[in-house]
Amino acid sequence: MPLPPAAERTPLHTRRVTCQGYERADGLWDIEGHITDEKHYAFDNEWRGIIQPGQFLHEMWVRLTVDDTLTVRAVEVSTDNSPFPHCPAILPNFQRLVGLSIASGWTNAVKQRLGRTEGCTHLVELLGPVATTAFQTLAPVLSARRNGGKGGPPPVLNTCHVMASDGPVVKRWFPEHYTGQHDTGPEEPDGA
C-alpha cells in the first residue's frame, strides 16, 4: 500500500541506491551497489562549476566479489562524481574489506576499517544494502542446492518478526523448524 497523499511540496534532493547480485561462471558471486545524489535546482560547486538539476553531485559504485560463505574475495570501487577532487583518493582503503565475511558483525567490521576519515561516508553507507543484497542473492540458490532444499534451518529463520521461529509464517512454510505452540485440537472426551 503506498503512502497517503503528501502535503503540497517542492522536490529538492533525490538519492537513489541500486544493488544487484550476480552468479559468476567461476563459482563466485558479484554484488554491485550504485548510489547517486542529485539536487532539483542548480548550485555552484567550486571544483565542478554549476551543477544543474539532473546532474549527480555524488555517483559512486562498489562491487564485492564473494564466495559461497559470503567471504569477500575482491573489491572494486569507483567515484564517477563527487563534490571535491580529493574524494577518490580514499578508494584504495576499501581493499581492507577483502577477507571479511558478510555475517553478524559486518557493519562494525566495516566501520573499524573504513569509518570516519578512513573511508567515504557514501560508499560505507552503500555497503549495508550491498550486504543484504548478497544475502538475498546467495541464500535461495545455496539453500536449493543443499539436499534439494532440505536440511538445516532456512537462513532467514529469526532474522525478522515475520520469520520468527514461533510465528505463523515459519509454522506454515518451515514446520520442522517451528518452535511455537502446536495446536492439538479439541480434546476427545473420555471413552470416545
N, C-alpha and C. Protein backbone atom coordinates (compact mmCIF):
# COMPACT_ATOMS: atom_id res chain seq x y z
N MET A 1 0.85 -1.17 0.00
CA MET A 1 0.00 0.00 0.00
C MET A 1 0.90 1.23 0.00
N PRO A 2 0.68 2.16 -0.93
CA PRO A 2 1.52 3.35 -0.98
C PRO A 2 1.23 4.28 0.20
N LEU A 3 2.11 5.24 0.38
CA LEU A 3 1.89 6.24 1.42
C LEU A 3 0.66 7.08 1.08
N PRO A 4 0.04 7.66 2.10
CA PRO A 4 -1.09 8.55 1.81
C PRO A 4 -0.59 9.80 1.08
N PRO A 5 -1.49 10.52 0.41
CA PRO A 5 -1.06 11.72 -0.31
C PRO A 5 -0.33 12.68 0.63
N ALA A 6 0.71 13.33 0.09
CA ALA A 6 1.52 14.27 0.87
C ALA A 6 0.97 15.68 0.74
N ALA A 7 1.42 16.53 1.62
CA ALA A 7 1.10 17.96 1.53
C ALA A 7 1.76 18.53 0.28
N GLU A 8 1.31 19.70 -0.14
CA GLU A 8 1.95 20.36 -1.28
C GLU A 8 3.42 20.59 -0.93
N ARG A 9 4.30 20.29 -1.88
CA ARG A 9 5.72 20.36 -1.59
C ARG A 9 6.52 20.53 -2.86
N THR A 10 7.81 20.83 -2.69
CA THR A 10 8.74 21.03 -3.81
C THR A 10 9.89 20.05 -3.66
N PRO A 11 10.20 19.25 -4.70
CA PRO A 11 11.33 18.32 -4.59
C PRO A 11 12.66 19.08 -4.55
N LEU A 12 13.55 18.66 -3.66
CA LEU A 12 14.85 19.31 -3.52
C LEU A 12 16.01 18.36 -3.75
N HIS A 13 15.88 17.11 -3.34
CA HIS A 13 17.01 16.19 -3.39
C HIS A 13 16.50 14.78 -3.65
N THR A 14 17.22 14.04 -4.49
CA THR A 14 16.90 12.63 -4.73
C THR A 14 18.16 11.80 -4.56
N ARG A 15 18.08 10.81 -3.71
CA ARG A 15 19.15 9.81 -3.57
C ARG A 15 18.59 8.49 -4.08
N ARG A 16 19.37 7.85 -4.93
CA ARG A 16 18.98 6.53 -5.44
C ARG A 16 20.07 5.53 -5.07
N VAL A 17 19.63 4.39 -4.57
CA VAL A 17 20.54 3.29 -4.26
C VAL A 17 20.01 2.07 -5.01
N THR A 18 20.87 1.50 -5.82
CA THR A 18 20.51 0.30 -6.58
C THR A 18 21.55 -0.76 -6.30
N CYS A 19 21.11 -1.96 -5.99
CA CYS A 19 22.02 -3.08 -5.75
C CYS A 19 21.57 -4.27 -6.58
N GLN A 20 22.54 -5.00 -7.12
CA GLN A 20 22.25 -6.18 -7.91
C GLN A 20 23.23 -7.29 -7.56
N GLY A 21 22.73 -8.52 -7.61
CA GLY A 21 23.57 -9.68 -7.35
C GLY A 21 23.68 -10.56 -8.57
N TYR A 22 24.87 -11.10 -8.80
CA TYR A 22 25.14 -11.92 -9.98
C TYR A 22 25.87 -13.20 -9.58
N GLU A 23 25.51 -14.29 -10.21
CA GLU A 23 26.27 -15.53 -10.08
C GLU A 23 27.27 -15.57 -11.23
N ARG A 24 28.53 -15.74 -10.90
CA ARG A 24 29.58 -15.75 -11.91
C ARG A 24 29.83 -17.17 -12.42
N ALA A 25 30.40 -17.26 -13.61
CA ALA A 25 30.70 -18.56 -14.21
C ALA A 25 31.78 -19.30 -13.45
N ASP A 26 32.62 -18.58 -12.69
CA ASP A 26 33.72 -19.22 -11.97
C ASP A 26 33.34 -19.70 -10.57
N GLY A 27 32.03 -19.63 -10.23
CA GLY A 27 31.58 -20.11 -8.94
C GLY A 27 31.54 -19.04 -7.86
N LEU A 28 32.01 -17.86 -8.16
CA LEU A 28 31.93 -16.75 -7.21
C LEU A 28 30.69 -15.91 -7.52
N TRP A 29 30.49 -14.88 -6.73
CA TRP A 29 29.31 -14.03 -6.84
C TRP A 29 29.76 -12.57 -6.85
N ASP A 30 29.16 -11.76 -7.70
CA ASP A 30 29.39 -10.31 -7.70
C ASP A 30 28.15 -9.62 -7.16
N ILE A 31 28.37 -8.74 -6.21
CA ILE A 31 27.29 -7.93 -5.65
C ILE A 31 27.68 -6.48 -5.90
N GLU A 32 26.85 -5.77 -6.64
CA GLU A 32 27.17 -4.40 -7.02
C GLU A 32 26.18 -3.42 -6.42
N GLY A 33 26.72 -2.29 -5.99
CA GLY A 33 25.89 -1.20 -5.49
C GLY A 33 26.22 0.08 -6.22
N HIS A 34 25.20 0.91 -6.41
CA HIS A 34 25.35 2.19 -7.11
C HIS A 34 24.54 3.22 -6.33
N ILE A 35 25.15 4.34 -6.01
CA ILE A 35 24.46 5.39 -5.27
C ILE A 35 24.60 6.70 -6.03
N THR A 36 23.51 7.44 -6.13
CA THR A 36 23.54 8.77 -6.75
C THR A 36 22.79 9.75 -5.86
N ASP A 37 23.26 10.99 -5.88
CA ASP A 37 22.57 12.11 -5.24
C ASP A 37 22.44 13.22 -6.27
N GLU A 38 21.25 13.79 -6.37
CA GLU A 38 21.07 14.93 -7.25
C GLU A 38 20.15 15.95 -6.59
N LYS A 39 20.44 17.21 -6.85
CA LYS A 39 19.60 18.31 -6.39
C LYS A 39 18.62 18.65 -7.51
N HIS A 40 17.49 19.22 -7.15
CA HIS A 40 16.49 19.60 -8.13
C HIS A 40 16.58 21.09 -8.46
N TYR A 41 17.73 21.66 -8.22
CA TYR A 41 17.99 23.07 -8.52
C TYR A 41 19.47 23.19 -8.86
N ALA A 42 19.83 24.23 -9.58
CA ALA A 42 21.24 24.47 -9.92
C ALA A 42 21.96 25.06 -8.72
N PHE A 43 23.21 24.68 -8.54
CA PHE A 43 24.02 25.28 -7.47
C PHE A 43 25.49 25.26 -7.90
N ASP A 44 26.26 26.12 -7.27
CA ASP A 44 27.67 26.27 -7.63
C ASP A 44 28.53 25.33 -6.80
N ASN A 45 29.47 24.69 -7.47
CA ASN A 45 30.46 23.85 -6.81
C ASN A 45 31.82 24.38 -7.23
N GLU A 46 32.66 24.70 -6.27
CA GLU A 46 33.95 25.32 -6.55
C GLU A 46 34.79 24.50 -7.53
N TRP A 47 34.73 23.18 -7.43
CA TRP A 47 35.54 22.31 -8.28
C TRP A 47 34.91 22.08 -9.64
N ARG A 48 33.61 21.82 -9.67
CA ARG A 48 32.93 21.42 -10.90
C ARG A 48 32.16 22.53 -11.59
N GLY A 49 32.03 23.67 -10.96
CA GLY A 49 31.24 24.75 -11.54
C GLY A 49 29.77 24.58 -11.18
N ILE A 50 28.89 25.06 -12.06
CA ILE A 50 27.46 24.96 -11.80
C ILE A 50 27.00 23.51 -12.04
N ILE A 51 26.39 22.94 -11.02
CA ILE A 51 25.80 21.60 -11.15
C ILE A 51 24.31 21.81 -11.36
N GLN A 52 23.85 21.35 -12.51
CA GLN A 52 22.46 21.55 -12.92
C GLN A 52 21.56 20.45 -12.37
N PRO A 53 20.25 20.72 -12.29
CA PRO A 53 19.32 19.65 -11.93
C PRO A 53 19.50 18.47 -12.89
N GLY A 54 19.50 17.28 -12.34
CA GLY A 54 19.70 16.08 -13.16
C GLY A 54 21.15 15.64 -13.23
N GLN A 55 22.08 16.52 -12.87
CA GLN A 55 23.49 16.11 -12.79
C GLN A 55 23.74 15.59 -11.39
N PHE A 56 24.53 14.54 -11.29
CA PHE A 56 24.77 13.93 -9.99
C PHE A 56 25.83 14.69 -9.20
N LEU A 57 25.52 15.01 -7.96
CA LEU A 57 26.52 15.53 -7.03
C LEU A 57 27.42 14.37 -6.61
N HIS A 58 26.80 13.25 -6.27
CA HIS A 58 27.52 12.01 -5.95
C HIS A 58 27.08 10.93 -6.93
N GLU A 59 28.05 10.18 -7.42
CA GLU A 59 27.76 8.95 -8.16
C GLU A 59 28.91 8.01 -7.89
N MET A 60 28.60 6.93 -7.18
CA MET A 60 29.63 6.01 -6.72
C MET A 60 29.17 4.57 -6.88
N TRP A 61 30.13 3.69 -7.06
CA TRP A 61 29.89 2.27 -7.30
C TRP A 61 30.75 1.42 -6.37
N VAL A 62 30.23 0.26 -6.01
CA VAL A 62 31.03 -0.73 -5.31
C VAL A 62 30.66 -2.11 -5.86
N ARG A 63 31.66 -2.94 -6.02
CA ARG A 63 31.44 -4.34 -6.38
C ARG A 63 32.21 -5.21 -5.41
N LEU A 64 31.49 -6.08 -4.70
CA LEU A 64 32.12 -7.08 -3.85
C LEU A 64 32.02 -8.42 -4.55
N THR A 65 33.12 -9.11 -4.66
CA THR A 65 33.11 -10.49 -5.14
C THR A 65 33.23 -11.36 -3.91
N VAL A 66 32.24 -12.26 -3.74
CA VAL A 66 32.20 -13.11 -2.56
C VAL A 66 32.13 -14.58 -2.98
N ASP A 67 32.49 -15.45 -2.03
CA ASP A 67 32.37 -16.89 -2.27
C ASP A 67 31.09 -17.40 -1.62
N ASP A 68 30.90 -18.70 -1.62
CA ASP A 68 29.67 -19.30 -1.07
C ASP A 68 29.50 -19.06 0.43
N THR A 69 30.57 -18.70 1.12
CA THR A 69 30.48 -18.43 2.56
C THR A 69 30.29 -16.94 2.83
N LEU A 70 30.07 -16.15 1.78
CA LEU A 70 29.93 -14.69 1.88
C LEU A 70 31.20 -14.01 2.36
N THR A 71 32.33 -14.64 2.09
CA THR A 71 33.62 -14.02 2.38
C THR A 71 34.03 -13.18 1.18
N VAL A 72 34.43 -11.95 1.44
CA VAL A 72 34.82 -11.03 0.37
C VAL A 72 36.16 -11.47 -0.20
N ARG A 73 36.18 -11.74 -1.50
CA ARG A 73 37.40 -12.16 -2.20
C ARG A 73 38.02 -11.03 -3.00
N ALA A 74 37.22 -10.06 -3.42
CA ALA A 74 37.75 -8.91 -4.18
C ALA A 74 36.79 -7.74 -4.00
N VAL A 75 37.35 -6.54 -4.14
CA VAL A 75 36.58 -5.30 -4.01
C VAL A 75 36.97 -4.37 -5.14
N GLU A 76 35.97 -3.77 -5.75
CA GLU A 76 36.20 -2.71 -6.72
C GLU A 76 35.29 -1.55 -6.35
N VAL A 77 35.83 -0.33 -6.36
CA VAL A 77 35.05 0.86 -6.07
C VAL A 77 35.39 1.94 -7.08
N SER A 78 34.41 2.82 -7.30
CA SER A 78 34.60 3.89 -8.27
C SER A 78 33.81 5.11 -7.82
N THR A 79 34.38 6.27 -8.01
CA THR A 79 33.68 7.53 -7.78
C THR A 79 33.65 8.27 -9.11
N ASP A 80 32.48 8.30 -9.73
CA ASP A 80 32.33 8.99 -11.01
C ASP A 80 32.05 10.47 -10.83
N ASN A 81 31.31 10.82 -9.79
CA ASN A 81 31.02 12.23 -9.49
C ASN A 81 31.09 12.43 -7.99
N SER A 82 31.70 13.55 -7.60
CA SER A 82 31.82 13.89 -6.18
C SER A 82 31.96 15.41 -6.07
N PRO A 83 31.72 15.96 -4.89
CA PRO A 83 31.79 17.42 -4.74
C PRO A 83 33.21 17.95 -4.59
N PHE A 84 34.17 17.07 -4.34
CA PHE A 84 35.56 17.51 -4.13
C PHE A 84 36.50 16.65 -4.96
N PRO A 85 37.59 17.23 -5.45
CA PRO A 85 38.52 16.45 -6.27
C PRO A 85 39.27 15.39 -5.46
N HIS A 86 39.26 15.53 -4.14
CA HIS A 86 40.03 14.62 -3.27
C HIS A 86 39.28 13.34 -2.93
N CYS A 87 37.98 13.29 -3.22
CA CYS A 87 37.16 12.15 -2.80
C CYS A 87 37.72 10.80 -3.27
N PRO A 88 38.11 10.65 -4.53
CA PRO A 88 38.57 9.33 -4.98
C PRO A 88 39.88 8.85 -4.34
N ALA A 89 40.60 9.73 -3.67
CA ALA A 89 41.89 9.34 -3.08
C ALA A 89 41.75 8.25 -2.03
N ILE A 90 40.57 8.10 -1.44
CA ILE A 90 40.37 7.14 -0.36
C ILE A 90 40.01 5.74 -0.87
N LEU A 91 39.74 5.62 -2.15
CA LEU A 91 39.25 4.35 -2.70
C LEU A 91 40.15 3.15 -2.41
N PRO A 92 41.48 3.27 -2.43
CA PRO A 92 42.31 2.10 -2.12
C PRO A 92 42.04 1.49 -0.74
N ASN A 93 41.58 2.30 0.22
CA ASN A 93 41.31 1.77 1.56
C ASN A 93 40.23 0.68 1.56
N PHE A 94 39.38 0.67 0.54
CA PHE A 94 38.31 -0.31 0.51
C PHE A 94 38.82 -1.73 0.30
N GLN A 95 40.08 -1.87 -0.07
CA GLN A 95 40.68 -3.21 -0.16
C GLN A 95 40.76 -3.87 1.22
N ARG A 96 40.61 -3.09 2.27
CA ARG A 96 40.61 -3.63 3.63
C ARG A 96 39.43 -4.57 3.88
N LEU A 97 38.45 -4.56 2.98
CA LEU A 97 37.30 -5.45 3.13
C LEU A 97 37.60 -6.88 2.71
N VAL A 98 38.65 -7.08 1.93
CA VAL A 98 38.99 -8.42 1.44
C VAL A 98 39.27 -9.32 2.65
N GLY A 99 38.62 -10.48 2.67
CA GLY A 99 38.77 -11.43 3.77
C GLY A 99 37.67 -11.36 4.80
N LEU A 100 36.91 -10.25 4.84
CA LEU A 100 35.79 -10.14 5.78
C LEU A 100 34.63 -11.01 5.31
N SER A 101 33.84 -11.47 6.25
CA SER A 101 32.64 -12.23 5.92
C SER A 101 31.41 -11.37 6.17
N ILE A 102 30.48 -11.43 5.23
CA ILE A 102 29.21 -10.75 5.41
C ILE A 102 28.38 -11.63 6.33
N ALA A 103 28.38 -11.26 7.60
CA ALA A 103 27.72 -12.05 8.64
C ALA A 103 27.48 -11.12 9.82
N SER A 104 27.05 -11.67 10.92
CA SER A 104 26.87 -10.88 12.12
C SER A 104 28.17 -10.14 12.43
N GLY A 105 28.08 -8.85 12.67
CA GLY A 105 29.26 -8.04 12.95
C GLY A 105 29.81 -7.33 11.72
N TRP A 106 29.21 -7.55 10.55
CA TRP A 106 29.68 -6.93 9.30
C TRP A 106 29.78 -5.41 9.43
N THR A 107 28.72 -4.77 9.88
CA THR A 107 28.69 -3.31 9.94
C THR A 107 29.80 -2.78 10.84
N ASN A 108 29.99 -3.38 11.99
CA ASN A 108 31.06 -2.93 12.89
C ASN A 108 32.43 -3.17 12.29
N ALA A 109 32.62 -4.30 11.63
CA ALA A 109 33.91 -4.59 11.00
C ALA A 109 34.21 -3.59 9.89
N VAL A 110 33.19 -3.22 9.12
CA VAL A 110 33.37 -2.22 8.06
C VAL A 110 33.75 -0.88 8.68
N LYS A 111 33.04 -0.47 9.72
CA LYS A 111 33.33 0.82 10.36
C LYS A 111 34.72 0.85 11.00
N GLN A 112 35.18 -0.28 11.54
CA GLN A 112 36.53 -0.33 12.11
C GLN A 112 37.58 -0.09 11.04
N ARG A 113 37.33 -0.58 9.84
CA ARG A 113 38.32 -0.47 8.76
C ARG A 113 38.16 0.81 7.94
N LEU A 114 36.92 1.30 7.83
CA LEU A 114 36.65 2.39 6.89
C LEU A 114 35.86 3.54 7.51
N GLY A 115 35.75 3.55 8.83
CA GLY A 115 34.97 4.59 9.48
C GLY A 115 35.67 5.95 9.47
N ARG A 116 34.86 6.96 9.57
CA ARG A 116 35.30 8.36 9.68
C ARG A 116 36.29 8.73 8.57
N THR A 117 37.49 9.13 8.91
CA THR A 117 38.43 9.63 7.90
C THR A 117 39.13 8.52 7.12
N GLU A 118 38.84 7.27 7.43
CA GLU A 118 39.46 6.15 6.71
C GLU A 118 38.65 5.71 5.49
N GLY A 119 37.49 6.31 5.28
CA GLY A 119 36.65 5.89 4.16
C GLY A 119 35.83 7.03 3.61
N CYS A 120 34.91 6.70 2.77
CA CYS A 120 33.95 7.63 2.17
C CYS A 120 32.59 7.31 2.77
N THR A 121 31.95 8.30 3.37
CA THR A 121 30.66 8.09 4.02
C THR A 121 29.66 7.41 3.10
N HIS A 122 29.60 7.86 1.85
CA HIS A 122 28.57 7.36 0.93
C HIS A 122 28.84 5.90 0.54
N LEU A 123 30.08 5.57 0.27
CA LEU A 123 30.41 4.19 -0.07
C LEU A 123 30.26 3.26 1.13
N VAL A 124 30.64 3.74 2.31
CA VAL A 124 30.47 2.92 3.52
C VAL A 124 28.98 2.66 3.76
N GLU A 125 28.15 3.69 3.61
CA GLU A 125 26.70 3.50 3.77
C GLU A 125 26.15 2.52 2.73
N LEU A 126 26.69 2.56 1.53
CA LEU A 126 26.24 1.67 0.46
C LEU A 126 26.53 0.20 0.78
N LEU A 127 27.54 -0.05 1.60
CA LEU A 127 27.89 -1.43 1.94
C LEU A 127 26.81 -2.15 2.75
N GLY A 128 25.93 -1.40 3.42
CA GLY A 128 24.82 -2.03 4.14
C GLY A 128 23.85 -2.71 3.19
N PRO A 129 23.26 -1.97 2.25
CA PRO A 129 22.37 -2.63 1.30
C PRO A 129 23.08 -3.62 0.38
N VAL A 130 24.36 -3.41 0.12
CA VAL A 130 25.11 -4.39 -0.68
C VAL A 130 25.18 -5.71 0.09
N ALA A 131 25.40 -5.64 1.39
CA ALA A 131 25.48 -6.86 2.21
C ALA A 131 24.15 -7.62 2.21
N THR A 132 23.04 -6.90 2.38
CA THR A 132 21.75 -7.59 2.37
C THR A 132 21.42 -8.12 0.97
N THR A 133 21.90 -7.44 -0.06
CA THR A 133 21.71 -7.94 -1.42
C THR A 133 22.50 -9.23 -1.63
N ALA A 134 23.68 -9.30 -1.05
CA ALA A 134 24.48 -10.53 -1.13
C ALA A 134 23.71 -11.68 -0.50
N PHE A 135 23.16 -11.45 0.66
CA PHE A 135 22.39 -12.49 1.34
C PHE A 135 21.19 -12.90 0.50
N GLN A 136 20.45 -11.92 -0.02
CA GLN A 136 19.27 -12.21 -0.84
C GLN A 136 19.64 -12.94 -2.13
N THR A 137 20.84 -12.68 -2.64
CA THR A 137 21.29 -13.32 -3.88
C THR A 137 21.69 -14.77 -3.62
N LEU A 138 22.50 -15.00 -2.61
CA LEU A 138 23.05 -16.34 -2.38
C LEU A 138 22.12 -17.29 -1.66
N ALA A 139 21.40 -16.81 -0.66
CA ALA A 139 20.64 -17.70 0.22
C ALA A 139 19.68 -18.63 -0.53
N PRO A 140 18.85 -18.13 -1.41
CA PRO A 140 17.91 -19.05 -2.08
C PRO A 140 18.62 -20.07 -2.98
N VAL A 141 19.67 -19.63 -3.65
CA VAL A 141 20.39 -20.53 -4.56
C VAL A 141 21.10 -21.62 -3.78
N LEU A 142 21.82 -21.22 -2.74
CA LEU A 142 22.57 -22.20 -1.95
C LEU A 142 21.63 -23.13 -1.19
N SER A 143 20.52 -22.60 -0.70
CA SER A 143 19.56 -23.43 0.01
C SER A 143 18.98 -24.50 -0.91
N ALA A 144 18.67 -24.12 -2.13
CA ALA A 144 18.11 -25.08 -3.09
C ALA A 144 19.14 -26.15 -3.48
N ARG A 145 20.41 -25.78 -3.49
CA ARG A 145 21.46 -26.74 -3.86
C ARG A 145 21.70 -27.76 -2.76
N ARG A 146 21.52 -27.34 -1.51
CA ARG A 146 21.78 -28.24 -0.38
C ARG A 146 20.64 -29.24 -0.25
N ASN A 147 20.93 -30.47 -0.48
CA ASN A 147 19.95 -31.55 -0.27
C ASN A 147 18.61 -31.27 -0.93
N GLY A 148 18.65 -30.69 -2.10
CA GLY A 148 17.40 -30.40 -2.79
C GLY A 148 16.51 -29.45 -2.01
N GLY A 149 17.12 -28.55 -1.26
CA GLY A 149 16.34 -27.60 -0.47
C GLY A 149 16.00 -28.09 0.92
N LYS A 150 16.37 -29.31 1.27
CA LYS A 150 16.08 -29.87 2.59
C LYS A 150 17.35 -29.80 3.43
N GLY A 151 17.20 -29.86 4.70
CA GLY A 151 18.38 -29.89 5.55
C GLY A 151 18.24 -28.96 6.73
N GLY A 152 19.27 -28.19 6.98
CA GLY A 152 19.31 -27.31 8.13
C GLY A 152 18.26 -26.22 8.07
N PRO A 153 18.23 -25.38 9.09
CA PRO A 153 17.24 -24.32 9.14
C PRO A 153 17.43 -23.34 7.98
N PRO A 154 16.35 -22.74 7.51
CA PRO A 154 16.49 -21.75 6.44
C PRO A 154 17.29 -20.55 6.95
N PRO A 155 18.09 -19.94 6.09
CA PRO A 155 18.93 -18.84 6.54
C PRO A 155 18.14 -17.63 7.04
N VAL A 156 16.87 -17.53 6.66
CA VAL A 156 16.07 -16.38 7.09
C VAL A 156 15.43 -16.57 8.46
N LEU A 157 15.57 -17.75 9.04
CA LEU A 157 14.94 -18.04 10.33
C LEU A 157 15.42 -17.05 11.39
N ASN A 158 14.46 -16.42 12.08
CA ASN A 158 14.71 -15.47 13.17
C ASN A 158 15.48 -14.22 12.74
N THR A 159 15.36 -13.84 11.47
CA THR A 159 16.03 -12.61 11.02
C THR A 159 15.11 -11.40 11.09
N CYS A 160 13.81 -11.61 11.28
CA CYS A 160 12.85 -10.51 11.46
C CYS A 160 11.60 -11.09 12.11
N HIS A 161 10.65 -10.23 12.46
CA HIS A 161 9.47 -10.72 13.19
C HIS A 161 8.64 -11.69 12.37
N VAL A 162 8.61 -11.52 11.05
CA VAL A 162 7.83 -12.43 10.21
C VAL A 162 8.45 -13.82 10.19
N MET A 163 9.77 -13.89 10.30
CA MET A 163 10.46 -15.17 10.23
C MET A 163 10.80 -15.73 11.61
N ALA A 164 10.12 -15.24 12.64
CA ALA A 164 10.33 -15.77 14.00
C ALA A 164 9.98 -17.25 14.03
N SER A 165 10.80 -18.03 14.69
CA SER A 165 10.60 -19.48 14.70
C SER A 165 9.28 -19.90 15.36
N ASP A 166 8.68 -19.00 16.14
CA ASP A 166 7.40 -19.33 16.77
C ASP A 166 6.22 -18.64 16.08
N GLY A 167 6.44 -18.10 14.88
CA GLY A 167 5.40 -17.36 14.19
C GLY A 167 4.66 -18.16 13.12
N PRO A 168 3.59 -17.58 12.60
CA PRO A 168 2.74 -18.29 11.64
C PRO A 168 3.41 -18.58 10.30
N VAL A 169 4.32 -17.74 9.84
CA VAL A 169 4.98 -17.99 8.56
C VAL A 169 5.88 -19.22 8.65
N VAL A 170 6.67 -19.29 9.72
CA VAL A 170 7.54 -20.46 9.90
C VAL A 170 6.69 -21.70 10.13
N LYS A 171 5.61 -21.57 10.89
CA LYS A 171 4.72 -22.72 11.13
C LYS A 171 4.20 -23.27 9.81
N ARG A 172 3.86 -22.38 8.88
CA ARG A 172 3.28 -22.80 7.59
C ARG A 172 4.34 -23.31 6.63
N TRP A 173 5.45 -22.57 6.47
CA TRP A 173 6.43 -22.87 5.42
C TRP A 173 7.59 -23.74 5.88
N PHE A 174 7.93 -23.68 7.17
CA PHE A 174 9.06 -24.46 7.69
C PHE A 174 8.63 -25.16 8.98
N PRO A 175 7.62 -26.01 8.92
CA PRO A 175 7.07 -26.60 10.15
C PRO A 175 8.09 -27.37 10.97
N GLU A 176 9.10 -27.94 10.31
CA GLU A 176 10.11 -28.69 11.06
C GLU A 176 10.98 -27.79 11.93
N HIS A 177 10.92 -26.47 11.70
CA HIS A 177 11.71 -25.52 12.49
C HIS A 177 10.82 -24.64 13.36
N TYR A 178 9.53 -24.94 13.42
CA TYR A 178 8.58 -24.16 14.21
C TYR A 178 8.76 -24.49 15.69
N THR A 179 8.86 -23.44 16.53
CA THR A 179 9.08 -23.64 17.97
C THR A 179 7.91 -23.17 18.83
N GLY A 180 6.85 -22.68 18.20
CA GLY A 180 5.70 -22.20 18.96
C GLY A 180 4.82 -23.34 19.43
N GLN A 181 3.69 -22.97 20.00
CA GLN A 181 2.74 -23.98 20.48
C GLN A 181 2.13 -24.70 19.30
N HIS A 182 2.01 -25.99 19.44
CA HIS A 182 1.37 -26.81 18.42
C HIS A 182 -0.08 -27.01 18.81
N ASP A 183 -0.96 -26.74 17.86
CA ASP A 183 -2.38 -26.97 18.10
C ASP A 183 -2.63 -28.47 18.12
N THR A 184 -3.26 -28.91 19.18
CA THR A 184 -3.58 -30.34 19.27
C THR A 184 -5.05 -30.58 18.97
N GLY A 185 -5.79 -29.49 18.78
CA GLY A 185 -7.22 -29.65 18.51
C GLY A 185 -7.98 -29.89 19.79
N PRO A 186 -9.29 -29.98 19.69
CA PRO A 186 -10.09 -30.21 20.91
C PRO A 186 -9.80 -31.60 21.48
N GLU A 187 -9.78 -31.64 22.78
CA GLU A 187 -9.55 -32.94 23.43
C GLU A 187 -10.77 -33.83 23.24
N GLU A 188 -10.48 -35.09 23.05
CA GLU A 188 -11.55 -36.07 22.93
C GLU A 188 -12.07 -36.39 24.34
N PRO A 189 -13.36 -36.47 24.49
CA PRO A 189 -13.87 -36.86 25.81
C PRO A 189 -13.47 -38.30 26.13
N ASP A 190 -13.35 -38.58 27.44
CA ASP A 190 -13.01 -39.95 27.86
C ASP A 190 -14.03 -40.93 27.33
N GLY A 191 -13.54 -42.06 26.93
CA GLY A 191 -14.42 -43.13 26.48
C GLY A 191 -14.85 -42.99 25.03
N ALA A 192 -14.35 -42.01 24.36
CA ALA A 192 -14.79 -41.82 22.97
C ALA A 192 -14.05 -42.72 22.03
